[in-house]
């Protein structure tokens, strides 16, 4: 764990994030007048099966069932007279 003031954290943010990504530190505390006001921690990696879309591709809440696409294929084909 590391900790710095807001200003020092801002000035060293790239190095702090790199250290967290490498696993050198587990978290970084941001202080304002010796009081912890925020914490930087690694993001949890979630493994999800299935198709994911757009900006929500890493969010398991937006997992799409493959059977939905089978139904849409028939709908689109019918709409275009195929």
Protein backbone atom coordinates (compact mmCIF):
# COMPACT_ATOMS: atom_id res chain seq x y z
CA UNK A 1 0.00 0.00 0.00
CA UNK A 2 1.16 3.51 -0.73
CA UNK A 3 -0.28 6.89 0.12
CA UNK A 4 0.28 10.47 -1.04
CA UNK A 5 -1.41 13.82 -1.04
CA UNK A 6 -3.74 14.72 -3.89
CA UNK A 7 -1.05 16.83 -5.59
CA UNK A 8 1.66 14.17 -5.35
CA UNK A 9 -0.78 11.51 -6.57
CA UNK A 10 -1.66 13.70 -9.56
CA UNK A 11 2.02 14.20 -10.38
CA UNK A 12 2.82 10.48 -10.08
CA UNK A 13 -0.44 8.94 -11.33
CA UNK A 14 1.08 7.02 -14.26
CA UNK A 15 3.71 5.40 -12.02
CA UNK A 16 1.10 4.57 -9.36
CA UNK A 17 -1.23 2.93 -11.89
CA UNK A 18 1.68 0.97 -13.40
CA UNK A 19 2.67 -0.28 -9.95
CA UNK A 20 -0.89 -1.42 -9.25
CA UNK A 21 -1.11 -3.15 -12.66
CA UNK A 22 2.15 -5.01 -12.02
CA UNK A 23 0.98 -5.99 -8.55
CA UNK A 24 3.80 -4.14 -6.80
CA UNK A 25 1.23 -2.39 -4.59
CA UNK A 26 -2.28 -3.58 -3.72
CA UNK A 27 -3.80 -0.12 -3.32
CA UNK A 28 -2.95 3.57 -3.18
CA UNK A 29 -4.51 5.94 -0.66
CA UNK A 30 -5.08 9.59 -1.55
CA UNK A 31 -4.89 11.99 1.37
CA UNK A 32 -6.11 15.52 1.96
CA UNK A 33 -4.64 17.08 5.11
CA UNK A 34 -3.63 13.68 6.55
CA UNK A 35 -7.14 12.29 6.03
CA UNK A 36 -7.73 9.51 3.50
CA UNK A 37 -10.28 10.71 0.95
CA UNK A 38 -9.95 8.13 -1.84
CA UNK A 39 -8.39 4.81 -2.73
CA UNK A 40 -7.07 3.45 -6.03
CA UNK A 41 -7.36 -0.33 -6.31
CA UNK A 42 -6.98 -2.78 -9.20
CA UNK A 43 -10.09 -3.44 -11.26
CA UNK A 44 -11.53 -6.94 -10.91
CA UNK A 45 -11.34 -9.02 -14.06
CA UNK A 46 -14.63 -10.80 -14.78
CA UNK A 47 -14.66 -13.75 -17.18
CA UNK A 48 -17.94 -13.94 -19.05
CA UNK A 49 -19.04 -16.37 -21.75
CA UNK A 50 -21.25 -15.16 -24.57
CA UNK A 51 -21.35 -12.15 -26.83
CA UNK A 52 -20.80 -8.65 -25.50
CA UNK A 53 -21.37 -5.37 -27.29
CA UNK A 54 -20.01 -1.82 -27.50
CA UNK A 55 -18.95 0.08 -24.42
CA UNK A 56 -20.60 -2.56 -22.24
CA UNK A 57 -18.49 -5.40 -23.62
CA UNK A 58 -16.72 -5.93 -20.28
CA UNK A 59 -19.87 -5.70 -18.16
CA UNK A 60 -21.47 -9.08 -17.38
CA UNK A 61 -24.84 -7.35 -16.98
CA UNK A 62 -24.92 -6.92 -20.77
CA UNK A 63 -24.39 -10.54 -21.72
CA UNK A 64 -26.51 -11.53 -24.72
CA UNK A 65 -28.02 -14.96 -25.29
CA UNK A 66 -26.95 -16.40 -28.67
CA UNK A 67 -30.50 -17.65 -29.33
CA UNK A 68 -31.64 -14.02 -29.59
CA UNK A 69 -29.58 -13.65 -32.76
CA UNK A 70 -31.24 -16.71 -34.34
CA UNK A 71 -34.65 -15.09 -33.84
CA UNK A 72 -33.41 -11.76 -35.18
CA UNK A 73 -32.00 -13.40 -38.30
CA UNK A 74 -35.46 -14.73 -39.20
CA UNK A 75 -37.07 -11.33 -38.46
CA UNK A 76 -34.57 -9.40 -40.58
CA UNK A 77 -34.81 -11.91 -43.45
CA UNK A 78 -38.62 -11.61 -43.42
CA UNK A 79 -38.45 -7.81 -43.31
CA UNK A 80 -36.29 -7.77 -46.43
CA UNK A 81 -38.37 -10.44 -48.19
CA UNK A 82 -35.58 -13.01 -48.19
